[in-house]
C-alpha atoms as a PDB file:
ATOM      1  CA  MET A   1      45.223 -71.785  32.967  1.00  0.00           C
ATOM      2  CA  ARG A   2      44.580 -69.983  29.886  1.00  0.00           C
ATOM      3  CA  TRP A   3      41.346 -71.303  28.948  1.00  0.00           C
ATOM      4  CA  ASP A   4      40.496 -70.634  32.551  1.00  0.00           C
ATOM      5  CA  ASP A   5      40.773 -66.993  31.735  1.00  0.00           C
ATOM      6  CA  LEU A   6      38.901 -67.123  28.350  1.00  0.00           C
ATOM      7  CA  PHE A   7      35.908 -68.263  30.531  1.00  0.00           C
ATOM      8  CA  ASP A   8      36.063 -65.748  33.232  1.00  0.00           C
ATOM      9  CA  ASP A   9      36.454 -63.314  30.424  1.00  0.00           C
ATOM     10  CA  LEU A  10      33.467 -64.863  28.764  1.00  0.00           C
ATOM     11  CA  GLU A  11      31.619 -64.884  31.545  1.00  0.00           C
ATOM     12  CA  SER A  12      31.919 -60.848  32.602  1.00  0.00           C
ATOM     13  CA  GLN A  13      31.422 -60.322  29.092  1.00  0.00           C
ATOM     14  CA  LEU A  14      27.827 -61.953  29.472  1.00  0.00           C
ATOM     15  CA  GLU A  15      27.031 -60.669  32.708  1.00  0.00           C
ATOM     16  CA  ARG A  16      27.694 -56.831  31.629  1.00  0.00           C
ATOM     17  CA  GLU A  17      25.415 -57.658  28.600  1.00  0.00           C
ATOM     18  CA  LEU A  18      22.478 -59.189  30.760  1.00  0.00           C
ATOM     19  CA  SER A  19      22.930 -55.927  32.879  1.00  0.00           C
ATOM     20  CA  ALA A  20      23.121 -53.463  30.031  1.00  0.00           C
ATOM     21  CA  GLU A  21      19.908 -55.283  28.652  1.00  0.00           C
ATOM     22  CA  GLU A  22      17.827 -55.254  31.951  1.00  0.00           C
ATOM     23  CA  VAL A  23      18.925 -51.574  32.756  1.00  0.00           C
ATOM     24  CA  ASP A  24      17.683 -50.732  28.778  1.00  0.00           C
ATOM     25  CA  LEU A  25      14.573 -52.574  29.936  1.00  0.00           C
ATOM     26  CA  LEU A  26      13.807 -50.768  33.092  1.00  0.00           C
ATOM     27  CA  ALA A  27      14.373 -47.153  31.270  1.00  0.00           C
ATOM     28  CA  GLU A  28      11.924 -47.849  28.404  1.00  0.00           C
ATOM     29  CA  GLU A  29       9.662 -49.172  30.692  1.00  0.00           C
ATOM     30  CA  GLU A  30       9.816 -46.215  32.965  1.00  0.00           C
ATOM     31  CA  ARG A  31       9.636 -43.879  30.146  1.00  0.00           C
ATOM     32  CA  LEU A  32       6.353 -45.691  29.010  1.00  0.00           C
ATOM     33  CA  ARG A  33       4.976 -44.985  32.473  1.00  0.00           C
ATOM     34  CA  VAL A  34       5.907 -41.414  32.423  1.00  0.00           C
ATOM     35  CA  ALA A  35       4.290 -41.341  28.665  1.00  0.00           C
ATOM     36  CA  ARG A  36       0.826 -42.338  30.614  1.00  0.00           C
ATOM     37  CA  LEU A  37       0.730 -39.397  33.335  1.00  0.00           C
ATOM     38  CA  SER A  38      -1.934 -36.682  32.696  1.00  0.00           C
ATOM     39  CA  VAL A  39      -1.563 -32.749  33.788  1.00  0.00           C
ATOM     40  CA  ARG A  40      -3.744 -34.437  36.431  1.00  0.00           C
ATOM     41  CA  ASP A  41      -1.605 -37.172  38.126  1.00  0.00           C
ATOM     42  CA  ARG A  42       1.210 -34.916  37.812  1.00  0.00           C
ATOM     43  CA  LEU A  43      -0.812 -31.957  39.785  1.00  0.00           C
ATOM     44  CA  LEU A  44      -2.073 -34.743  42.375  1.00  0.00           C
ATOM     45  CA  SER A  45       1.341 -36.283  42.901  1.00  0.00           C
ATOM     46  CA  LEU A  46       2.549 -32.396  43.835  1.00  0.00           C
ATOM     47  CA  SER A  47      -0.258 -32.036  46.242  1.00  0.00           C
ATOM     48  CA  VAL A  48       0.224 -35.006  48.460  1.00  0.00           C
ATOM     49  CA  THR A  49       0.666 -33.484  51.969  1.00  0.00           C
ATOM     50  CA  GLY A  50       4.198 -33.269  52.921  1.00  0.00           C
ATOM     51  CA  THR A  51       6.031 -35.011  56.107  1.00  0.00           C
ATOM     52  CA  ASP A  52       5.837 -31.481  57.621  1.00  0.00           C
ATOM     53  CA  GLY A  53       1.920 -32.033  57.401  1.00  0.00           C
ATOM     54  CA  GLU A  54       1.422 -28.663  54.793  1.00  0.00           C
ATOM     55  CA  THR A  55      -0.034 -28.954  51.354  1.00  0.00           C
ATOM     56  CA  PRO A  56       2.442 -27.368  48.749  1.00  0.00           C
ATOM     57  CA  GLU A  57       1.110 -24.527  46.613  1.00  0.00           C
ATOM     58  CA  LEU A  58       0.906 -25.147  43.300  1.00  0.00           C
ATOM     59  CA  ARG A  59       2.020 -22.417  41.002  1.00  0.00           C
ATOM     60  CA  LEU A  60       0.370 -22.197  37.718  1.00  0.00           C
ATOM     61  CA  ILE A  61       0.004 -20.002  34.473  1.00  0.00           C
ATOM     62  CA  LEU A  62      -3.742 -19.916  33.390  1.00  0.00           C
ATOM     63  CA  CYS A  63      -4.274 -19.864  29.750  1.00  0.00           C
ATOM     64  CA  ASP A  64      -5.047 -16.160  29.406  1.00  0.00           C
ATOM     65  CA  GLY A  65      -1.192 -15.603  31.010  1.00  0.00           C
ATOM     66  CA  THR A  66      -2.847 -15.225  34.703  1.00  0.00           C
ATOM     67  CA  ARG A  67      -0.188 -16.436  37.669  1.00  0.00           C
ATOM     68  CA  LEU A  68      -2.195 -18.223  40.341  1.00  0.00           C
ATOM     69  CA  SER A  69      -0.691 -19.928  43.402  1.00  0.00           C
ATOM     70  CA  VAL A  70      -3.173 -22.503  44.990  1.00  0.00           C
ATOM     71  CA  THR A  71      -3.025 -24.780  47.644  1.00  0.00           C
ATOM     72  CA  PRO A  72      -5.128 -27.777  46.316  1.00  0.00           C
ATOM     73  CA  SER A  73      -7.805 -29.348  48.532  1.00  0.00           C
ATOM     74  CA  THR A  74      -9.697 -31.774  46.481  1.00  0.00           C
ATOM     75  CA  PHE A  75      -9.503 -32.849  42.832  1.00  0.00           C
ATOM     76  CA  GLY A  76     -12.432 -33.970  40.640  1.00  0.00           C
ATOM     77  CA  ARG A  77     -12.234 -35.430  36.777  1.00  0.00           C
ATOM     78  CA  ASP A  78     -11.237 -32.338  35.451  1.00  0.00           C
ATOM     79  CA  TRP A  79     -11.024 -29.945  37.883  1.00  0.00           C
ATOM     80  CA  PHE A  80      -9.459 -29.036  41.411  1.00  0.00           C
ATOM     81  CA  SER A  81     -10.504 -26.866  44.449  1.00  0.00           C
ATOM     82  CA  GLY A  82      -8.353 -25.645  46.775  1.00  0.00           C
ATOM     83  CA  GLU A  83      -7.424 -21.599  48.162  1.00  0.00           C
ATOM     84  CA  VAL A  84      -5.728 -19.047  46.262  1.00  0.00           C
ATOM     85  CA  VAL A  85      -2.903 -17.861  47.609  1.00  0.00           C
ATOM     86  CA  ASP A  86      -2.126 -14.047  47.722  1.00  0.00           C
ATOM     87  CA  GLU A  87      -0.839 -11.193  49.273  1.00  0.00           C
ATOM     88  CA  SER A  88      -4.124  -9.768  50.754  1.00  0.00           C
ATOM     89  CA  GLY A  89      -4.097 -13.067  53.430  1.00  0.00           C
ATOM     90  CA  LYS A  90      -7.705 -13.783  52.940  1.00  0.00           C
ATOM     91  CA  ARG A  91      -6.924 -17.334  50.902  1.00  0.00           C
ATOM     92  CA  PRO A  92     -10.665 -17.426  49.130  1.00  0.00           C
ATOM     93  CA  GLY A  93     -11.723 -20.981  47.732  1.00  0.00           C
ATOM     94  CA  CYS A  94     -11.677 -21.509  44.252  1.00  0.00           C
ATOM     95  CA  VAL A  95     -12.141 -24.449  41.642  1.00  0.00           C
ATOM     96  CA  VAL A  96      -9.724 -24.561  38.714  1.00  0.00           C
ATOM     97  CA  PRO A  97     -10.711 -26.379  35.415  1.00  0.00           C
ATOM     98  CA  LEU A  98      -7.497 -28.433  34.430  1.00  0.00           C
ATOM     99  CA  ASP A  99      -7.995 -27.021  30.640  1.00  0.00           C
ATOM    100  CA  ALA A 100      -7.505 -23.744  31.570  1.00  0.00           C
ATOM    101  CA  VAL A 101      -3.888 -24.566  33.251  1.00  0.00           C
ATOM    102  CA  ASP A 102      -1.707 -23.429  30.365  1.00  0.00           C
ATOM    103  CA  ALA A 103       1.386 -24.117  32.568  1.00  0.00           C
ATOM    104  CA  VAL A 104       2.675 -25.423  36.023  1.00  0.00           C
ATOM    105  CA  LEU A 105       5.790 -23.727  37.461  1.00  0.00           C
ATOM    106  CA  LEU A 106       8.351 -26.792  39.316  1.00  0.00           C
ATOM    107  CA  ALA A 107      11.025 -26.186  41.120  1.00  0.00           C
ATOM    108  CA  ARG A 108      14.403 -29.040  39.993  1.00  0.00           C
ATOM    109  CA  VAL A 109      12.952 -30.618  43.496  1.00  0.00           C
ATOM    110  CA  ASP A 110       9.618 -30.886  42.298  1.00  0.00           C
ATOM    111  CA  ILE A 111      10.141 -33.090  38.761  1.00  0.00           C
ATOM    112  CA  PRO A 112      10.769 -36.088  40.527  1.00  0.00           C
ATOM    113  CA  ARG A 113       7.803 -35.635  43.221  1.00  0.00           C
ATOM    114  CA  SER A 114       5.486 -35.037  40.002  1.00  0.00           C
ATOM    115  CA  ILE A 115       6.212 -38.376  38.355  1.00  0.00           C
ATOM    116  CA  ASP A 116       5.756 -40.460  41.477  1.00  0.00           C
ATOM    117  CA  SER A 117       3.032 -42.472  41.046  1.00  0.00           C
ATOM    118  CA  ALA A 118       3.007 -43.996  44.638  1.00  0.00           C
ATOM    119  CA  ARG A 119       2.416 -40.509  45.809  1.00  0.00           C
ATOM    120  CA  ARG A 120      -0.981 -40.285  44.570  1.00  0.00           C
ATOM    121  CA  SER A 121      -2.328 -43.372  44.683  1.00  0.00           C
ATOM    122  CA  GLU A 122      -4.870 -43.028  47.637  1.00  0.00           C
ATOM    123  CA  THR A 123      -6.486 -39.620  46.487  1.00  0.00           C
ATOM    124  CA  GLN A 124      -7.279 -41.345  43.431  1.00  0.00           C
ATOM    125  CA  GLU A 125     -10.067 -43.480  44.513  1.00  0.00           C
ATOM    126  CA  SER A 126     -12.219 -40.843  46.306  1.00  0.00           C
ATOM    127  CA  LEU A 127     -15.865 -40.003  44.762  1.00  0.00           C
ATOM    128  CA  SER A 128     -14.713 -36.479  44.005  1.00  0.00           C
ATOM    129  CA  ALA A 129     -12.255 -38.116  41.396  1.00  0.00           C
ATOM    130  CA  ARG A 130     -15.112 -39.536  38.897  1.00  0.00           C
ATOM    131  CA  LEU A 131     -17.174 -35.923  39.321  1.00  0.00           C
ATOM    132  CA  GLY A 132     -16.904 -33.659  36.516  1.00  0.00           C
ATOM    133  CA  LEU A 133     -16.830 -29.866  36.416  1.00  0.00           C
ATOM    134  CA  ALA A 134     -20.485 -28.937  35.926  1.00  0.00           C
ATOM    135  CA  PHE A 135     -21.233 -30.969  38.834  1.00  0.00           C
ATOM    136  CA  VAL A 136     -19.110 -28.435  40.983  1.00  0.00           C
ATOM    137  CA  LEU A 137     -21.093 -25.790  39.100  1.00  0.00           C
ATOM    138  CA  ARG A 138     -24.404 -27.460  39.857  1.00  0.00           C
ATOM    139  CA  ASP A 139     -23.429 -27.394  43.263  1.00  0.00           C
ATOM    140  CA  LEU A 140     -22.751 -23.983  43.222  1.00  0.00           C
ATOM    141  CA  CYS A 141     -25.988 -22.973  41.877  1.00  0.00           C
ATOM    142  CA  ARG A 142     -27.992 -24.733  43.925  1.00  0.00           C
ATOM    143  CA  ARG A 143     -26.168 -22.811  46.933  1.00  0.00           C
ATOM    144  CA  ARG A 144     -26.693 -19.375  45.441  1.00  0.00           C
ATOM    145  CA  ALA A 145     -23.440 -18.784  45.744  1.00  0.00           C
ATOM    146  CA  ALA A 146     -22.014 -15.465  44.578  1.00  0.00           C
ATOM    147  CA  ILE A 147     -18.622 -16.154  42.727  1.00  0.00           C
ATOM    148  CA  ASP A 148     -16.052 -14.343  40.561  1.00  0.00           C
ATOM    149  CA  LEU A 149     -15.731 -16.191  37.121  1.00  0.00           C
ATOM    150  CA  GLN A 150     -12.458 -15.485  34.673  1.00  0.00           C
ATOM    151  CA  LEU A 151     -12.878 -16.125  31.112  1.00  0.00           C
ATOM    152  CA  PRO A 152     -10.198 -15.605  28.749  1.00  0.00           C
ATOM    153  CA  ASN A 153     -11.625 -11.899  27.951  1.00  0.00           C
ATOM    154  CA  ALA A 154     -13.829 -10.866  31.074  1.00  0.00           C
ATOM    155  CA  ARG A 155     -13.910 -11.083  34.962  1.00  0.00           C
ATOM    156  CA  LEU A 156     -17.224 -11.286  35.795  1.00  0.00           C
ATOM    157  CA  HIS A 157     -18.964 -11.224  39.491  1.00  0.00           C
ATOM    158  CA  GLY A 158     -22.719 -13.088  39.912  1.00  0.00           C
ATOM    159  CA  THR A 159     -24.920 -15.929  41.065  1.00  0.00           C
ATOM    160  CA  ILE A 160     -25.437 -18.936  38.784  1.00  0.00           C
ATOM    161  CA  ASP A 161     -28.814 -19.285  37.702  1.00  0.00           C
ATOM    162  CA  ARG A 162     -28.407 -22.802  35.866  1.00  0.00           C
ATOM    163  CA  VAL A 163     -26.274 -25.204  34.619  1.00  0.00           C
ATOM    164  CA  GLY A 164     -26.550 -27.074  30.943  1.00  0.00           C
ATOM    165  CA  ARG A 165     -24.446 -29.390  29.684  1.00  0.00           C
ATOM    166  CA  ASP A 166     -21.721 -27.622  28.282  1.00  0.00           C
ATOM    167  CA  HIS A 167     -22.671 -24.054  29.875  1.00  0.00           C
ATOM    168  CA  LEU A 168     -24.410 -22.165  32.410  1.00  0.00           C
ATOM    169  CA  ASP A 169     -26.132 -18.996  33.102  1.00  0.00           C
ATOM    170  CA  LEU A 170     -24.641 -16.307  35.176  1.00  0.00           C
ATOM    171  CA  ALA A 171     -26.838 -13.395  36.566  1.00  0.00           C
ATOM    172  CA  VAL A 172     -24.200 -10.456  37.221  1.00  0.00           C
ATOM    173  CA  HIS A 173     -24.624  -7.891  39.767  1.00  0.00           C
ATOM    174  CA  GLU A 174     -22.203  -6.046  41.933  1.00  0.00           C
ATOM    175  CA  ARG A 175     -20.337  -7.870  44.664  1.00  0.00           C
ATOM    176  CA  GLY A 176     -21.821  -7.973  48.438  1.00  0.00           C
ATOM    177  CA  ARG A 177     -24.579  -7.608  46.760  1.00  0.00           C
ATOM    178  CA  PRO A 178     -27.897  -9.930  46.829  1.00  0.00           C
ATOM    179  CA  ARG A 179     -29.300 -11.626  43.384  1.00  0.00           C
ATOM    180  CA  ARG A 180     -32.606 -10.239  42.822  1.00  0.00           C
ATOM    181  CA  ASP A 181     -33.786  -9.266  39.287  1.00  0.00           C
ATOM    182  CA  SER A 182     -33.545  -5.632  40.217  1.00  0.00           C
ATOM    183  CA  GLU A 183     -29.782  -5.838  41.307  1.00  0.00           C
ATOM    184  CA  VAL A 184     -28.841  -7.853  37.798  1.00  0.00           C
ATOM    185  CA  SER A 185     -26.976  -6.061  35.466  1.00  0.00           C
ATOM    186  CA  GLU A 186     -27.013  -8.837  32.868  1.00  0.00           C
ATOM    187  CA  TYR A 187     -27.408 -12.247  32.167  1.00  0.00           C
ATOM    188  CA  ARG A 188     -24.982 -14.171  30.561  1.00  0.00           C
ATOM    189  CA  LEU A 189     -25.020 -17.355  28.940  1.00  0.00           C
ATOM    190  CA  VAL A 190     -21.263 -18.919  29.678  1.00  0.00           C
ATOM    191  CA  ARG A 191     -19.636 -21.740  27.906  1.00  0.00           C
ATOM    192  CA  ILE A 192     -18.118 -23.867  30.912  1.00  0.00           C
ATOM    193  CA  ALA A 193     -15.103 -24.865  28.385  1.00  0.00           C
ATOM    194  CA  HIS A 194     -14.194 -20.768  28.205  1.00  0.00           C
ATOM    195  CA  ILE A 195     -13.819 -21.092  32.043  1.00  0.00           C
ATOM    196  CA  LEU A 196     -10.757 -20.256  33.490  1.00  0.00           C
ATOM    197  CA  LEU A 197     -11.502 -19.576  37.451  1.00  0.00           C
ATOM    198  CA  VAL A 198     -13.730 -19.766  39.672  1.00  0.00           C
ATOM    199  CA  ARG A 199     -13.517 -17.946  43.051  1.00  0.00           C
ATOM    200  CA  THR A 200     -16.047 -18.388  45.774  1.00  0.00           C
END
């Protein structure tokens, strides 16, 4: 009888050790998965439309300290676009370079959602996911769209004249005025890496 008790005890110890080893292995796999996540991955997961059909707002702090709420719509390789949510109710369109995001403000319930890789799988395969910020800026240039450009030390309004590999030329003019040489107050060559926000 005592031998049976001894074997039962050894068996239960072995099961506990195997279970603990499996738990440790799963925890390590999860740590490695989370270690591979980028800010873009986390924002994509947060922006998946909920069961209520509404896209959640992303609450951001940009590198210059600007606080911004955006309802995202499209994610590119190094940017995302959406609508600015503010007290005016107008919801202007915007493009946010990912490098301009200093922090994302999360509620406790947002944290597990932000690291859930299954939530973003269908979004990652779109064509826009491969497009860089310069492509979006070239499209705005081609459309001759008037934009508000937020830089670390300036906010400018104007029209993009041309886009190079790492910079753009902005014709600065008053809001509501057409881009004509007589209306342009100055021309600025702006490094794309310094753009914090583009409002359309």
